[in-house]
Amino acid sequence: MASISKFLLLLLCSYLTLVAHAADDRRHKVLSVGSLKSAATCSEAKVTPSSSGGVTVPLHHRHGPCSPVPSKKMPTLEERLRRDQLRAAYIKRKFSGAKGGDVEQSEAATVPTTLGTSLSTLEYVITVGIGSPAVTQTMSMDTGSDVSWVQCTPCSQCHSEADSLFDPSASSTYSPFSCSSAACAQLSQSQQGNGCSSSQCQYIVNYGDGSSTTGTYSSDTLTLGSNAIKGFQFGCSQSESGGFNDQTDGLMGLGGGAQSLASQTAGTFGKAFSYCLPPTPASSGFLTLGAGSSGFVKTPMLRSPQIPTYYGVLLEAIRVRGQQLNIPTSVFSAGSVMDSGTIITRLPPTAYSVLSSAFKAGMKQYPPAQPSGILDTCFDFSGQSSVSIPTVALVFSGGAVVDLASDGIMLQTSSSILCLAFAANSDDSSLGIIGNVQQRTIEVLYDVGGGAVGFRAGAC
């Protein structure tokens, strides 16, 4: 009898230990301080897209060793955050004329003619083929853009790139759109038409930093993996102005407008795409067109008819160490935009203040550090190889709880300083933005046909 009692007691102790560990897992994550530094070699981590259907292509950080066009010099964090502020401010301006600033019910009065900030804000690239025979092109990916474009020859003013300029005359399937075409009319309605040249439709994309790209609006075969997409519409860029200084060949738009890759391929692959942004620049992610929708936690997708490019969501709560923070749901009522090109998540100041305080309360064992630009919740991890940080979860409408990866909570600003990767908006009525740090390792599903945004943890 005594031996049975001892056995039961051991079982109970083991169970309580497991429960305690499980509770601690909900409260803390272990973060390797060195893991957020830029490694010199590419680690092709195992990626697991949710869908075997559709088409999946690798996705890489533009400045990392996995990039097909690695930068000679990665911009400083200060420069990246300065550009990030420009992009975030631009997105908010787009919605500022909307009714009540709301994503869902916007009735935009004036839409700015600028359509982005600069290519410099975009951090992730994919490799595709354009033309027949296919010519390899490395393109920045952006959910905040619709018109895709590559640099073409002849080019009066182009930036240097790692690949060859696309030569339309060498492609048997290239076709410029005429000025009377439906595609050209649609381009003009989207405020991206630029008149005619030799009876050929011209496009223009003006960016918020004063740079621009212009050329002939065209169609050709796009090759993604082993899939060839005929009649893909894109801009053949023949002139640029401003600060294009990267080595990429152009931009692939994944926005919600008619010209985007996602919209153009909806008939082939279905109205859903997904991507997984890798945890570090030294690892890989993926982009999937025709993504499956099972295995995701989902929240309703909010759209503005006047500003169709952006995909909105409604954040309702934030959890730290498994506990929901005391933030009124109404604080988040302006909505948020999911954006692959913004680095830092922007929150209403009321919500950010509560989050910052709760995070600091779970970090008392580490000395605080001086703020770094917009990042003001920072810690000094000198001498530490790994640290224990509070878990953070975002709760979206419909009950979708998204536990952020350890790599998706903090941003490394120096060799030993890390900061909470969130920032406050100027006021609670401003549009929020879910940035790409928080999206790391999560497969983010844009189910346009089903009207939902989905999240699947640990996908890359």
Protein backbone atom coordinates (compact mmCIF):
# COMPACT_ATOMS: atom_id res chain seq x y z
CA MET A 1 0.00 0.00 0.00
CA ALA A 2 2.86 2.31 0.93
CA SER A 3 4.58 1.65 -2.41
CA ILE A 4 1.35 2.51 -4.30
CA SER A 5 1.04 5.74 -2.32
CA LYS A 6 4.65 6.62 -3.18
CA PHE A 7 4.01 5.86 -6.84
CA LEU A 8 0.88 8.03 -6.86
CA LEU A 9 2.78 10.81 -5.11
CA LEU A 10 5.55 10.62 -7.74
CA LEU A 11 2.93 10.75 -10.49
CA LEU A 12 1.32 13.79 -8.88
CA CYS A 13 4.70 15.53 -8.53
CA SER A 14 5.53 14.81 -12.18
CA TYR A 15 2.13 16.12 -13.27
CA LEU A 16 2.52 19.32 -11.23
CA THR A 17 6.01 19.83 -12.69
CA LEU A 18 4.63 19.47 -16.22
CA VAL A 19 1.81 21.90 -15.46
CA ALA A 20 4.32 24.37 -13.98
CA HIS A 21 6.54 24.08 -17.08
CA ALA A 22 3.53 24.51 -19.39
CA ALA A 23 2.45 27.59 -17.44
CA ASP A 24 5.99 28.95 -17.61
CA ASP A 25 6.03 28.35 -21.39
CA ARG A 26 2.93 30.52 -21.60
CA ARG A 27 4.64 33.20 -19.53
CA HIS A 28 8.20 33.26 -20.89
CA LYS A 29 10.21 32.50 -24.02
CA VAL A 30 13.94 31.91 -24.25
CA LEU A 31 15.64 34.22 -26.72
CA SER A 32 19.19 33.63 -27.88
CA VAL A 33 20.83 37.07 -27.96
CA GLY A 34 23.17 35.97 -30.76
CA SER A 35 20.28 34.64 -32.89
CA LEU A 36 19.14 38.12 -33.87
CA LYS A 37 22.54 39.20 -35.15
CA SER A 38 23.23 39.02 -38.87
CA ALA A 39 24.97 35.71 -39.51
CA ALA A 40 27.51 35.48 -42.31
CA THR A 41 26.24 32.21 -43.76
CA CYS A 42 22.81 31.17 -44.99
CA SER A 43 20.99 28.54 -42.98
CA GLU A 44 18.31 26.99 -45.19
CA ALA A 45 15.84 26.23 -42.42
CA LYS A 46 13.08 23.70 -43.06
CA VAL A 47 9.96 25.48 -44.24
CA THR A 48 6.51 23.94 -44.18
CA PRO A 49 3.93 25.73 -46.34
CA SER A 50 0.36 24.89 -45.37
CA SER A 51 -0.69 23.96 -48.87
CA SER A 52 0.59 21.44 -51.38
CA GLY A 53 -1.65 23.06 -54.00
CA GLY A 54 -0.87 26.34 -55.73
CA VAL A 55 2.72 27.44 -56.18
CA THR A 56 5.38 28.16 -53.55
CA VAL A 57 8.62 30.09 -54.08
CA PRO A 58 11.43 30.78 -51.58
CA LEU A 59 11.49 34.19 -49.91
CA HIS A 60 14.63 35.79 -48.48
CA HIS A 61 15.63 38.86 -46.50
CA ARG A 62 17.12 41.36 -48.94
CA HIS A 63 20.16 42.14 -46.79
CA GLY A 64 20.96 38.63 -45.53
CA PRO A 65 23.36 35.94 -46.79
CA CYS A 66 20.40 33.98 -48.24
CA SER A 67 19.53 36.87 -50.56
CA PRO A 68 20.14 36.33 -54.30
CA VAL A 69 21.26 39.99 -54.32
CA PRO A 70 23.13 40.40 -51.02
CA SER A 71 23.97 43.99 -50.13
CA LYS A 72 27.57 45.04 -49.88
CA LYS A 73 26.60 47.02 -46.81
CA MET A 74 23.46 46.56 -44.72
CA PRO A 75 21.90 49.91 -43.75
CA THR A 76 22.18 50.87 -40.09
CA LEU A 77 19.23 50.23 -37.81
CA GLU A 78 18.82 54.00 -37.43
CA GLU A 79 18.45 54.34 -41.20
CA ARG A 80 16.03 51.39 -41.41
CA LEU A 81 13.87 52.84 -38.62
CA ARG A 82 13.92 56.29 -40.26
CA ARG A 83 12.61 54.75 -43.49
CA ASP A 84 10.14 52.72 -41.46
CA GLN A 85 8.72 55.92 -39.96
CA LEU A 86 8.27 57.35 -43.47
CA ARG A 87 6.39 54.27 -44.63
CA ALA A 88 4.18 54.09 -41.53
CA ALA A 89 3.36 57.80 -41.81
CA TYR A 90 2.53 57.36 -45.49
CA ILE A 91 0.11 54.47 -44.84
CA LYS A 92 -1.63 56.47 -42.11
CA ARG A 93 -1.97 59.47 -44.45
CA LYS A 94 -3.67 57.25 -47.01
CA PHE A 95 -6.41 56.51 -44.48
CA SER A 96 -6.52 59.91 -42.77
CA GLY A 97 -9.23 61.16 -45.12
CA ALA A 98 -11.33 58.08 -44.37
CA LYS A 99 -14.50 58.34 -42.31
CA GLY A 100 -13.41 58.20 -38.69
CA GLY A 101 -10.08 56.79 -39.81
CA ASP A 102 -11.72 53.36 -39.94
CA VAL A 103 -10.35 50.67 -42.24
CA GLU A 104 -13.71 49.06 -42.85
CA GLN A 105 -16.00 52.06 -43.31
CA SER A 106 -13.65 54.50 -45.00
CA GLU A 107 -15.01 57.05 -47.43
CA ALA A 108 -11.77 58.59 -48.60
CA ALA A 109 -11.96 62.20 -49.71
CA THR A 110 -8.48 62.80 -51.07
CA VAL A 111 -6.07 60.00 -51.86
CA PRO A 112 -2.42 61.08 -52.15
CA THR A 113 -0.85 60.54 -55.56
CA THR A 114 2.24 58.96 -53.98
CA LEU A 115 1.95 55.19 -53.83
CA GLY A 116 4.64 54.09 -51.42
CA THR A 117 7.67 55.41 -49.64
CA SER A 118 10.74 53.97 -51.32
CA LEU A 119 11.97 50.58 -52.35
CA SER A 120 14.48 50.98 -49.53
CA THR A 121 11.79 50.15 -46.95
CA LEU A 122 11.13 46.72 -48.46
CA GLU A 123 13.10 43.91 -46.84
CA TYR A 124 12.02 40.66 -48.51
CA VAL A 125 12.68 39.37 -52.04
CA ILE A 126 11.54 36.54 -54.31
CA THR A 127 13.06 35.25 -57.55
CA VAL A 128 10.85 34.82 -60.62
CA GLY A 129 11.25 34.40 -64.37
CA ILE A 130 9.85 36.88 -66.90
CA GLY A 131 9.54 36.38 -70.65
CA SER A 132 10.06 33.54 -73.12
CA PRO A 133 12.68 32.27 -72.63
CA ALA A 134 12.39 33.16 -68.93
CA VAL A 135 14.91 35.68 -67.58
CA THR A 136 15.64 35.49 -63.83
CA GLN A 137 14.53 38.59 -61.92
CA THR A 138 14.88 39.23 -58.18
CA MET A 139 12.00 41.39 -56.95
CA SER A 140 11.08 43.01 -53.67
CA MET A 141 7.75 41.75 -52.27
CA ASP A 142 5.21 44.27 -50.99
CA THR A 143 1.65 43.82 -49.70
CA GLY A 144 1.34 47.62 -49.82
CA SER A 145 1.75 47.88 -53.63
CA ASP A 146 -0.34 46.80 -56.59
CA VAL A 147 1.64 47.54 -59.76
CA SER A 148 4.59 45.19 -60.29
CA TRP A 149 7.54 46.34 -62.38
CA VAL A 150 11.05 45.42 -63.47
CA GLN A 151 13.83 47.46 -65.05
CA CYS A 152 13.89 47.06 -68.81
CA THR A 153 16.26 47.83 -71.64
CA PRO A 154 16.58 50.38 -73.13
CA CYS A 155 16.66 52.33 -69.88
CA SER A 156 17.51 56.03 -69.80
CA GLN A 157 17.98 56.08 -66.04
CA CYS A 158 18.13 52.86 -63.99
CA HIS A 159 19.81 51.74 -60.78
CA SER A 160 22.46 49.01 -60.79
CA GLU A 161 21.19 45.47 -60.32
CA ALA A 162 22.65 42.01 -59.84
CA ASP A 163 20.72 40.40 -62.71
CA SER A 164 20.59 41.48 -66.36
CA LEU A 165 18.05 44.11 -67.37
CA PHE A 166 14.95 42.52 -68.88
CA ASP A 167 15.05 42.92 -72.67
CA PRO A 168 11.50 42.92 -74.09
CA SER A 169 12.79 42.43 -77.63
CA ALA A 170 14.34 39.08 -76.64
CA SER A 171 11.02 37.67 -75.38
CA SER A 172 8.67 36.03 -77.89
CA THR A 173 5.66 36.53 -75.58
CA TYR A 174 6.18 40.21 -74.62
CA SER A 175 3.37 42.61 -75.52
CA PRO A 176 2.97 46.29 -74.61
CA PHE A 177 -0.57 47.45 -73.88
CA SER A 178 -2.12 49.93 -76.29
CA CYS A 179 -3.54 53.17 -74.98
CA SER A 180 -7.06 52.02 -75.84
CA SER A 181 -6.77 48.73 -73.91
CA ALA A 182 -8.94 47.90 -70.88
CA ALA A 183 -5.76 47.34 -68.82
CA CYS A 184 -4.60 50.90 -69.61
CA ALA A 185 -8.00 52.34 -68.65
CA GLN A 186 -7.92 50.41 -65.37
CA LEU A 187 -4.40 51.70 -64.69
CA SER A 188 -5.59 55.30 -65.14
CA GLN A 189 -8.51 54.70 -62.76
CA SER A 190 -5.95 53.57 -60.17
CA GLN A 191 -4.06 56.87 -60.64
CA GLN A 192 -1.03 55.04 -61.99
CA GLY A 193 -1.47 55.82 -65.70
CA ASN A 194 1.00 58.17 -67.36
CA GLY A 195 -0.51 58.83 -70.77
CA CYS A 196 0.73 57.44 -74.09
CA SER A 197 4.02 57.08 -75.90
CA SER A 198 4.05 55.80 -79.50
CA SER A 199 0.50 54.49 -78.89
CA GLN A 200 1.76 52.41 -75.96
CA CYS A 201 0.27 52.68 -72.45
CA GLN A 202 2.59 54.30 -69.91
CA TYR A 203 2.58 53.74 -66.13
CA ILE A 204 4.07 55.75 -63.29
CA VAL A 205 4.57 54.96 -59.61
CA ASN A 206 5.49 57.95 -57.45
CA TYR A 207 6.94 57.23 -54.02
CA GLY A 208 6.63 59.31 -50.88
CA ASP A 209 10.35 60.12 -50.75
CA GLY A 210 10.18 61.81 -54.17
CA SER A 211 11.48 58.86 -56.19
CA SER A 212 9.53 57.39 -59.07
CA THR A 213 9.53 54.75 -61.79
CA THR A 214 7.91 55.07 -65.20
CA GLY A 215 7.79 53.15 -68.45
CA THR A 216 5.56 50.98 -70.63
CA TYR A 217 2.71 48.95 -69.12
CA SER A 218 3.08 45.49 -70.61
CA SER A 219 2.29 41.80 -70.38
CA ASP A 220 4.46 38.71 -70.63
CA THR A 221 4.79 35.20 -69.23
CA LEU A 222 5.68 35.08 -65.53
CA THR A 223 7.38 31.92 -64.25
CA LEU A 224 6.94 31.05 -60.57
CA GLY A 225 8.73 27.82 -59.71
CA SER A 226 7.55 25.36 -62.37
CA ASN A 227 4.36 27.33 -63.12
CA ALA A 228 4.10 29.63 -66.13
CA ILE A 229 1.48 32.40 -65.93
CA LYS A 230 0.64 33.83 -69.34
CA GLY A 231 -0.31 37.46 -69.84
CA PHE A 232 1.04 38.77 -66.53
CA GLN A 233 0.67 42.56 -66.42
CA PHE A 234 3.63 44.62 -65.20
CA GLY A 235 5.49 47.85 -65.75
CA CYS A 236 8.59 47.83 -67.96
CA SER A 237 10.59 50.53 -66.18
CA GLN A 238 12.62 52.71 -68.53
CA SER A 239 13.31 55.66 -66.25
CA GLU A 240 13.71 56.16 -62.53
CA SER A 241 14.40 59.13 -60.35
CA GLY A 242 15.33 59.34 -56.69
CA GLY A 243 16.93 56.98 -54.26
CA PHE A 244 16.84 53.49 -55.75
CA ASN A 245 20.15 52.10 -54.55
CA ASP A 246 19.56 48.39 -54.01
CA GLN A 247 20.49 45.51 -56.29
CA THR A 248 16.96 44.20 -56.89
CA ASP A 249 15.40 44.18 -60.35
CA GLY A 250 12.02 45.61 -59.41
CA LEU A 251 8.94 45.14 -57.25
CA MET A 252 6.23 42.48 -56.99
CA GLY A 253 2.95 43.95 -55.76
CA LEU A 254 0.79 41.74 -53.52
CA GLY A 255 -1.81 44.35 -52.58
CA GLY A 256 -5.56 44.04 -53.03
CA GLY A 257 -5.83 46.20 -56.15
CA ALA A 258 -6.60 44.85 -59.64
CA GLN A 259 -2.99 45.09 -60.89
CA SER A 260 -1.35 43.03 -58.12
CA LEU A 261 0.09 39.55 -58.57
CA ALA A 262 -2.47 38.19 -56.09
CA SER A 263 -5.41 39.66 -58.03
CA GLN A 264 -4.08 38.69 -61.47
CA THR A 265 -3.51 35.04 -60.50
CA ALA A 266 -6.76 34.63 -58.51
CA GLY A 267 -8.40 32.88 -61.50
CA THR A 268 -5.53 30.38 -61.71
CA PHE A 269 -4.66 29.69 -58.08
CA GLY A 270 -7.70 31.02 -56.19
CA LYS A 271 -8.18 34.14 -54.14
CA ALA A 272 -5.71 33.35 -51.36
CA PHE A 273 -1.98 33.72 -50.84
CA SER A 274 0.33 33.37 -47.87
CA TYR A 275 3.91 34.02 -46.87
CA CYS A 276 6.25 33.20 -44.02
CA LEU A 277 8.93 35.75 -43.13
CA PRO A 278 12.05 34.03 -41.77
CA PRO A 279 13.21 34.60 -38.17
CA THR A 280 16.54 36.12 -39.22
CA PRO A 281 18.17 37.46 -42.41
CA ALA A 282 20.28 34.26 -42.43
CA SER A 283 17.30 31.94 -42.93
CA SER A 284 14.58 31.45 -45.55
CA GLY A 285 10.82 31.76 -45.79
CA PHE A 286 8.31 31.31 -48.61
CA LEU A 287 5.51 32.88 -50.63
CA THR A 288 2.55 30.71 -51.72
CA LEU A 289 -0.11 31.62 -54.28
CA GLY A 290 -3.22 29.48 -53.97
CA ALA A 291 -2.66 28.83 -50.27
CA GLY A 292 -4.87 26.36 -48.41
CA SER A 293 -6.88 27.73 -45.50
CA SER A 294 -6.84 24.84 -43.02
CA GLY A 295 -4.67 24.92 -39.91
CA PHE A 296 -4.89 28.68 -39.42
CA VAL A 297 -6.47 30.77 -36.68
CA LYS A 298 -8.46 33.41 -38.55
CA THR A 299 -9.81 36.92 -38.15
CA PRO A 300 -12.10 38.86 -40.52
CA MET A 301 -10.29 40.81 -43.24
CA LEU A 302 -11.26 44.49 -43.38
CA ARG A 303 -11.15 46.30 -46.73
CA SER A 304 -11.66 49.86 -47.91
CA PRO A 305 -13.26 50.19 -51.37
CA GLN A 306 -11.50 53.55 -51.79
CA ILE A 307 -8.07 52.17 -50.79
CA PRO A 308 -8.22 48.54 -51.96
CA THR A 309 -4.47 47.94 -51.78
CA TYR A 310 -4.34 47.34 -48.02
CA TYR A 311 -5.55 44.38 -45.97
CA GLY A 312 -7.00 45.40 -42.59
CA VAL A 313 -7.58 43.53 -39.32
CA LEU A 314 -9.07 44.46 -35.96
CA LEU A 315 -6.83 43.95 -32.96
CA GLU A 316 -8.90 43.55 -29.78
CA ALA A 317 -6.48 42.71 -26.99
CA ILE A 318 -2.86 42.00 -26.05
CA ARG A 319 -1.60 39.33 -23.67
CA VAL A 320 1.71 39.42 -21.81
CA ARG A 321 2.89 36.35 -19.84
CA GLY A 322 -0.46 34.73 -20.64
CA GLN A 323 -2.47 37.51 -18.99
CA GLN A 324 -4.76 39.79 -20.95
CA LEU A 325 -3.80 43.44 -20.42
CA ASN A 326 -6.31 45.92 -19.10
CA ILE A 327 -6.90 47.84 -22.34
CA PRO A 328 -10.45 48.82 -23.37
CA THR A 329 -11.38 47.17 -26.69
CA SER A 330 -12.50 50.59 -27.97
CA VAL A 331 -8.86 51.74 -27.97
CA PHE A 332 -8.24 49.54 -31.03
CA SER A 333 -11.34 50.66 -32.96
CA ALA A 334 -9.40 52.47 -35.72
CA GLY A 335 -8.24 49.07 -36.99
CA SER A 336 -4.83 47.97 -38.22
CA VAL A 337 -3.19 47.16 -41.55
CA MET A 338 -1.18 43.96 -42.09
CA ASP A 339 1.99 45.13 -43.85
CA SER A 340 5.01 43.15 -45.07
CA GLY A 341 7.00 46.35 -45.63
CA THR A 342 6.69 48.04 -42.21
CA ILE A 343 9.20 46.76 -39.66
CA ILE A 344 7.80 47.86 -36.27
CA THR A 345 4.17 47.31 -35.18
CA ARG A 346 2.39 50.60 -34.43
CA LEU A 347 -0.17 50.60 -31.59
CA PRO A 348 -2.53 53.18 -30.09
CA PRO A 349 -0.53 55.04 -27.40
CA THR A 350 -2.93 53.90 -24.66
CA ALA A 351 -2.31 50.26 -25.62
CA TYR A 352 1.42 50.71 -26.09
CA SER A 353 1.85 52.29 -22.66
CA VAL A 354 0.15 49.33 -20.94
CA LEU A 355 2.12 46.81 -23.04
CA SER A 356 5.44 48.54 -22.28
CA SER A 357 4.74 48.60 -18.54
CA ALA A 358 3.72 44.92 -18.45
CA PHE A 359 6.78 43.91 -20.47
CA LYS A 360 9.11 45.88 -18.19
CA ALA A 361 7.52 44.18 -15.17
CA GLY A 362 8.58 40.82 -16.60
CA MET A 363 12.12 42.02 -17.33
CA LYS A 364 13.16 43.30 -13.90
CA GLN A 365 16.16 40.96 -13.81
CA TYR A 366 17.78 42.85 -16.72
CA PRO A 367 19.10 46.45 -16.57
CA PRO A 368 17.21 48.96 -18.73
CA ALA A 369 18.99 50.64 -21.66
CA GLN A 370 18.65 54.01 -23.36
CA PRO A 371 15.92 54.30 -26.04
CA SER A 372 16.92 53.80 -29.67
CA GLY A 373 14.92 56.15 -31.89
CA ILE A 374 11.24 55.22 -31.73
CA LEU A 375 12.05 52.15 -29.61
CA ASP A 376 11.88 53.16 -25.95
CA THR A 377 11.53 49.85 -24.04
CA CYS A 378 15.12 48.61 -24.19
CA PHE A 379 17.35 46.35 -22.11
CA ASP A 380 21.06 45.67 -21.72
CA PHE A 381 21.94 41.99 -22.09
CA SER A 382 25.74 42.40 -21.79
CA GLY A 383 27.38 39.09 -21.00
CA GLN A 384 24.21 37.08 -21.70
CA SER A 385 24.04 34.42 -24.43
CA SER A 386 20.34 33.71 -23.92
CA VAL A 387 17.65 35.51 -21.96
CA SER A 388 14.13 34.80 -20.71
CA ILE A 389 11.56 37.27 -22.04
CA PRO A 390 7.81 37.56 -21.39
CA THR A 391 5.51 36.01 -23.97
CA VAL A 392 3.40 38.40 -26.04
CA ALA A 393 0.21 37.43 -27.87
CA LEU A 394 -2.01 39.52 -30.12
CA VAL A 395 -5.75 38.81 -29.95
CA PHE A 396 -7.76 39.69 -33.07
CA SER A 397 -11.52 39.92 -33.63
CA GLY A 398 -13.19 36.54 -33.90
CA GLY A 399 -10.95 35.17 -31.16
CA ALA A 400 -7.76 34.61 -33.19
CA VAL A 401 -4.89 34.46 -30.68
CA VAL A 402 -1.43 34.86 -32.24
CA ASP A 403 1.50 33.97 -29.97
CA LEU A 404 4.51 35.87 -31.23
CA ALA A 405 7.73 33.92 -31.79
CA SER A 406 10.71 34.76 -29.58
CA ASP A 407 12.26 36.41 -32.67
CA GLY A 408 9.09 38.47 -33.17
CA ILE A 409 9.01 40.36 -29.86
CA MET A 410 12.30 42.23 -29.63
CA LEU A 411 14.68 43.92 -32.08
CA GLN A 412 18.43 43.98 -31.57
CA THR A 413 19.80 47.54 -31.77
CA SER A 414 23.43 46.77 -30.88
CA SER A 415 25.55 43.79 -29.82
CA SER A 416 24.01 43.72 -26.33
CA ILE A 417 20.95 46.01 -26.48
CA LEU A 418 17.50 44.71 -27.43
CA CYS A 419 14.26 46.70 -27.53
CA LEU A 420 10.58 45.80 -27.57
CA ALA A 421 9.66 45.91 -31.29
CA PHE A 422 6.51 48.02 -30.90
CA ALA A 423 5.97 51.77 -31.06
CA ALA A 424 3.15 54.17 -30.19
CA ASN A 425 1.09 56.11 -32.71
CA SER A 426 0.53 59.83 -32.11
CA ASP A 427 -3.03 59.21 -30.86
CA ASP A 428 -5.54 56.41 -30.34
CA SER A 429 -7.58 57.36 -33.42
CA SER A 430 -4.66 56.67 -35.80
CA LEU A 431 -4.56 53.52 -37.88
CA GLY A 432 -2.44 50.72 -36.41
CA ILE A 433 0.06 48.66 -38.40
CA ILE A 434 1.09 45.04 -37.79
CA GLY A 435 4.75 45.10 -38.84
CA ASN A 436 7.01 42.38 -40.19
CA VAL A 437 8.99 41.72 -36.98
CA GLN A 438 5.81 40.42 -35.33
CA GLN A 439 5.04 38.28 -38.41
CA ARG A 440 8.35 36.37 -38.31
CA THR A 441 8.08 32.54 -38.51
CA ILE A 442 4.28 32.78 -38.82
CA GLU A 443 2.57 31.81 -42.07
CA VAL A 444 0.24 34.75 -42.71
CA LEU A 445 -2.72 33.87 -44.91
CA TYR A 446 -4.55 36.50 -46.98
CA ASP A 447 -7.77 34.70 -47.88
CA VAL A 448 -9.25 37.46 -50.03
CA GLY A 449 -12.05 35.23 -51.36
CA GLY A 450 -13.03 34.11 -47.84
CA GLY A 451 -12.61 37.57 -46.33
CA ALA A 452 -10.15 36.43 -43.66
CA VAL A 453 -6.56 36.84 -42.49
CA GLY A 454 -5.05 33.69 -40.98
CA PHE A 455 -2.02 32.86 -38.84
CA ARG A 456 -0.14 29.55 -38.50
CA ALA A 457 2.77 29.43 -36.07
CA GLY A 458 6.20 27.91 -36.69
CA ALA A 459 5.97 27.67 -40.47
CA CYS A 460 9.55 28.78 -41.24
